[in-house]
């Protein structure tokens, strides 16, 4: 003997409708605990009442307010009517706006099609455009190969070299000044000072740097080395 199928529970929408019936039939104010007692009589288990009622509140189908320490819920048929009328008005407005936008896009599409009909002349023009774009790309790549010889880049390099040269000679001058001061004030430590100089890389061949940065060949050579 086949067993009876299990009774299907109410969907959320059915629960909402049943809870609204409680409000519409009584047109009274309720505490949540009262609704939890009345819900099972409409097929909504008490554990689900709170969530169902809150969903109705979120959709403005049920109103709630705190009076003292208690929260009351209520709803009148007119509330649902107003809500549905507002929803319908909004949908009608959206539908009208959507229809206008669709018409505008259709008109724009037809406008863009004009002059772009498939033809031998259009195909030739597109092929020519592709050829020009490819050539433009190749010229840009070729131009990039000569970027190092850009006059502006060379001028910037020359200026940087002049600054570096000036800084190097300034430090060289500072070193010579410091060596002279040490020799004058500590003549008895001459050997120790010379040993210290060699340890930090100051050798006898240290001298000022001279470079004619205006010489184009020399500048190009130095720029290449950099």
Protein backbone atom coordinates (compact mmCIF):
# COMPACT_ATOMS: atom_id res chain seq x y z
CA UNK A 1 0.00 0.00 0.00
CA UNK A 2 1.47 3.32 -1.04
CA UNK A 3 2.13 5.77 1.76
CA UNK A 4 0.41 9.13 1.71
CA UNK A 5 2.57 11.98 0.43
CA UNK A 6 3.76 14.46 3.03
CA UNK A 7 1.69 17.64 3.15
CA UNK A 8 3.44 20.55 1.45
CA UNK A 9 4.24 23.54 3.66
CA UNK A 10 3.18 27.08 2.84
CA UNK A 11 5.40 29.21 0.67
CA UNK A 12 6.60 32.58 1.96
CA UNK A 13 4.06 34.43 -0.19
CA UNK A 14 1.23 32.24 1.13
CA UNK A 15 2.37 32.88 4.70
CA UNK A 16 2.37 36.63 4.01
CA UNK A 17 -1.17 36.47 2.65
CA UNK A 18 -2.40 34.48 5.65
CA UNK A 19 -0.81 36.89 8.13
CA UNK A 20 -2.33 39.86 6.28
CA UNK A 21 -5.74 38.22 6.66
CA UNK A 22 -5.32 38.42 10.45
CA UNK A 23 -4.83 42.17 10.22
CA UNK A 24 -7.58 42.78 7.64
CA UNK A 25 -10.19 40.68 9.41
CA UNK A 26 -9.69 42.30 12.81
CA UNK A 27 -8.36 45.74 11.79
CA UNK A 28 -6.74 45.83 15.22
CA UNK A 29 -3.30 46.43 16.75
CA UNK A 30 -1.17 43.43 17.77
CA UNK A 31 1.92 42.65 19.77
CA UNK A 32 4.33 40.17 18.21
CA UNK A 33 3.55 37.54 20.84
CA UNK A 34 -0.15 37.86 19.97
CA UNK A 35 0.60 37.34 16.29
CA UNK A 36 2.70 34.30 17.15
CA UNK A 37 -0.40 32.78 18.80
CA UNK A 38 -2.73 33.70 15.94
CA UNK A 39 -0.37 32.60 13.16
CA UNK A 40 -0.81 28.82 13.62
CA UNK A 41 -4.59 29.28 13.23
CA UNK A 42 -3.85 30.49 9.69
CA UNK A 43 -1.31 27.76 8.99
CA UNK A 44 1.79 29.81 9.85
CA UNK A 45 3.88 28.23 12.61
CA UNK A 46 4.75 30.55 15.46
CA UNK A 47 8.50 30.29 14.75
CA UNK A 48 7.97 31.81 11.28
CA UNK A 49 5.63 34.62 12.30
CA UNK A 50 8.37 37.13 13.22
CA UNK A 51 10.19 36.83 9.87
CA UNK A 52 6.96 36.87 7.85
CA UNK A 53 5.67 39.97 9.64
CA UNK A 54 9.04 41.71 9.22
CA UNK A 55 8.93 41.04 5.47
CA UNK A 56 5.49 42.68 5.37
CA UNK A 57 6.84 45.65 7.31
CA UNK A 58 9.75 45.97 4.86
CA UNK A 59 7.27 46.12 1.96
CA UNK A 60 5.11 48.71 3.79
CA UNK A 61 2.18 46.30 3.89
CA UNK A 62 2.27 46.25 7.70
CA UNK A 63 3.04 49.23 9.90
CA UNK A 64 4.70 49.13 13.30
CA UNK A 65 5.32 51.62 16.05
CA UNK A 66 6.73 51.60 19.56
CA UNK A 67 4.35 52.75 22.26
CA UNK A 68 6.07 52.86 25.63
CA UNK A 69 8.07 49.67 25.87
CA UNK A 70 5.86 47.69 23.49
CA UNK A 71 5.96 47.43 19.70
CA UNK A 72 2.58 47.23 17.94
CA UNK A 73 1.82 46.03 14.44
CA UNK A 74 -1.22 46.87 12.34
CA UNK A 75 -2.44 46.96 8.77
CA UNK A 76 -5.64 48.06 7.03
CA UNK A 77 -6.87 47.02 3.57
CA UNK A 78 -6.37 50.63 2.49
CA UNK A 79 -2.64 50.34 3.27
CA UNK A 80 -2.28 47.46 0.82
CA UNK A 81 -4.37 49.32 -1.73
CA UNK A 82 -2.19 52.41 -1.52
CA UNK A 83 0.93 50.29 -1.71
CA UNK A 84 -0.29 48.51 -4.82
CA UNK A 85 -1.37 51.76 -6.47
CA UNK A 86 2.06 53.28 -5.80
CA UNK A 87 3.80 50.18 -7.14
CA UNK A 88 1.60 50.20 -10.24
CA UNK A 89 2.28 53.90 -10.84
CA UNK A 90 6.02 53.35 -10.57
CA UNK A 91 5.93 50.37 -12.93
CA UNK A 92 3.91 52.35 -15.45
CA UNK A 93 6.42 55.21 -15.26
CA UNK A 94 9.33 52.80 -15.68
CA UNK A 95 7.57 51.12 -18.60
CA UNK A 96 6.96 54.47 -20.29
CA UNK A 97 10.60 55.54 -19.78
CA UNK A 98 11.82 52.19 -21.04
CA UNK A 99 9.65 52.46 -24.15
CA UNK A 100 11.01 55.92 -24.94
CA UNK A 101 14.57 54.76 -24.43
CA UNK A 102 14.00 51.74 -26.66
CA UNK A 103 12.61 54.00 -29.41
CA UNK A 104 15.63 56.32 -29.09
CA UNK A 105 18.07 53.41 -29.36
CA UNK A 106 16.24 51.99 -32.36
CA UNK A 107 16.40 55.37 -34.08
CA UNK A 108 20.08 55.70 -33.21
CA UNK A 109 20.78 52.25 -34.61
CA UNK A 110 19.08 53.11 -37.91
CA UNK A 111 21.00 56.40 -38.05
CA UNK A 112 24.31 54.58 -37.56
CA UNK A 113 23.45 52.10 -40.28
CA UNK A 114 23.03 54.84 -42.86
CA UNK A 115 26.22 55.22 -44.88
CA UNK A 116 27.60 51.92 -43.58
CA UNK A 117 25.78 49.59 -45.92
CA UNK A 118 27.91 46.72 -47.23
CA UNK A 119 29.48 47.63 -50.59
CA UNK A 120 32.67 47.15 -52.59
CA UNK A 121 33.58 50.78 -51.93
CA UNK A 122 33.18 50.30 -48.16
CA UNK A 123 35.29 47.13 -48.23
CA UNK A 124 38.07 48.94 -50.10
CA UNK A 125 37.94 51.85 -47.66
CA UNK A 126 38.21 49.48 -44.68
CA UNK A 127 41.16 47.67 -46.24
CA UNK A 128 42.89 50.99 -46.87
CA UNK A 129 42.24 52.05 -43.28
CA UNK A 130 43.75 48.80 -41.98
CA UNK A 131 46.83 49.33 -44.18
CA UNK A 132 47.29 52.90 -42.90
CA UNK A 133 46.90 51.80 -39.28
CA UNK A 134 49.48 49.03 -39.77
CA UNK A 135 51.94 51.47 -41.37
CA UNK A 136 51.37 53.96 -38.54
CA UNK A 137 52.17 51.26 -36.02
CA UNK A 138 55.37 50.31 -37.85
CA UNK A 139 56.49 53.97 -38.02
CA UNK A 140 55.90 54.38 -34.29
CA UNK A 141 58.01 51.29 -33.58
CA UNK A 142 60.77 52.60 -35.87
CA UNK A 143 60.65 56.02 -34.22
CA UNK A 144 61.09 54.36 -30.82
CA UNK A 145 64.45 52.97 -32.03
CA UNK A 146 65.77 56.52 -32.37
CA UNK A 147 64.54 57.71 -28.99
CA UNK A 148 68.10 57.65 -27.58
CA UNK A 149 69.17 60.17 -30.22
CA UNK A 150 66.38 62.58 -29.45
CA UNK A 151 67.92 66.12 -29.22
CA UNK A 152 65.91 66.84 -26.09
CA UNK A 153 67.15 63.62 -24.46
CA UNK A 154 70.75 64.43 -25.42
CA UNK A 155 70.43 67.95 -24.02
CA UNK A 156 69.01 66.57 -20.76
CA UNK A 157 71.91 64.09 -20.56
CA UNK A 158 74.46 66.87 -21.14
CA UNK A 159 72.91 68.97 -18.39
CA UNK A 160 72.94 65.99 -16.04
CA UNK A 161 76.61 65.35 -16.86
CA UNK A 162 77.49 68.96 -16.08
CA UNK A 163 75.74 68.74 -12.71
CA UNK A 164 77.46 65.42 -11.93
CA UNK A 165 80.86 66.81 -12.99
CA UNK A 166 80.42 69.86 -10.80
CA UNK A 167 79.42 67.72 -7.83
CA UNK A 168 82.37 65.33 -8.32
CA UNK A 169 84.90 68.17 -8.46
CA UNK A 170 83.30 69.82 -5.44
CA UNK A 171 83.77 66.65 -3.40
CA UNK A 172 87.33 66.28 -4.71
CA UNK A 173 88.04 69.84 -3.56
CA UNK A 174 86.55 69.03 -0.14
CA UNK A 175 88.81 65.97 0.13
CA UNK A 176 91.93 67.99 -0.71
CA UNK A 177 90.92 70.65 1.80
CA UNK A 178 90.40 68.00 4.50
CA UNK A 179 93.77 66.36 3.72
CA UNK A 180 95.54 69.73 3.97
CA UNK A 181 93.85 70.48 7.29
CA UNK A 182 94.79 67.07 8.70
CA UNK A 183 98.41 67.46 7.55
CA UNK A 184 98.64 70.90 9.14
CA UNK A 185 97.11 69.88 12.46
CA UNK A 186 98.51 66.34 12.78
CA UNK A 187 101.93 66.28 11.08
CA UNK A 188 103.10 63.49 13.37
CA UNK A 189 100.32 61.20 12.04
CA UNK A 190 101.27 61.49 8.36
CA UNK A 191 101.73 57.73 7.81
CA UNK A 192 98.53 56.83 9.65
CA UNK A 193 96.58 59.40 7.63
CA UNK A 194 97.97 58.11 4.32
CA UNK A 195 97.05 54.56 5.32
CA UNK A 196 93.53 55.71 6.22
CA UNK A 197 93.18 57.53 2.88
CA UNK A 198 94.06 54.35 0.98
CA UNK A 199 91.61 52.29 3.02
CA UNK A 200 88.71 54.56 2.05
CA UNK A 201 89.79 54.68 -1.62
CA UNK A 202 91.62 58.02 -1.73
CA UNK A 203 94.72 57.25 -3.84
CA UNK A 204 97.59 59.42 -5.08
CA UNK A 205 96.08 59.70 -8.55
CA UNK A 206 92.94 61.43 -7.25
CA UNK A 207 92.45 64.63 -9.26
CA UNK A 208 89.81 66.98 -10.62
CA UNK A 209 87.76 65.77 -13.61
CA UNK A 210 87.75 67.81 -16.77
CA UNK A 211 85.24 67.26 -19.56
CA UNK A 212 84.05 69.41 -22.45
CA UNK A 213 80.33 68.57 -22.43
CA UNK A 214 79.75 70.88 -25.36
CA UNK A 215 81.70 68.51 -27.61
CA UNK A 216 78.95 66.59 -29.42
CA UNK A 217 81.05 63.48 -30.18
CA UNK A 218 82.26 63.22 -26.59
CA UNK A 219 78.75 63.82 -25.24
CA UNK A 220 77.31 61.12 -27.49
CA UNK A 221 80.03 58.69 -26.37
CA UNK A 222 79.40 59.42 -22.69
CA UNK A 223 75.65 59.21 -23.21
CA UNK A 224 76.09 55.80 -24.82
CA UNK A 225 78.21 54.67 -21.89
CA UNK A 226 75.51 55.82 -19.47
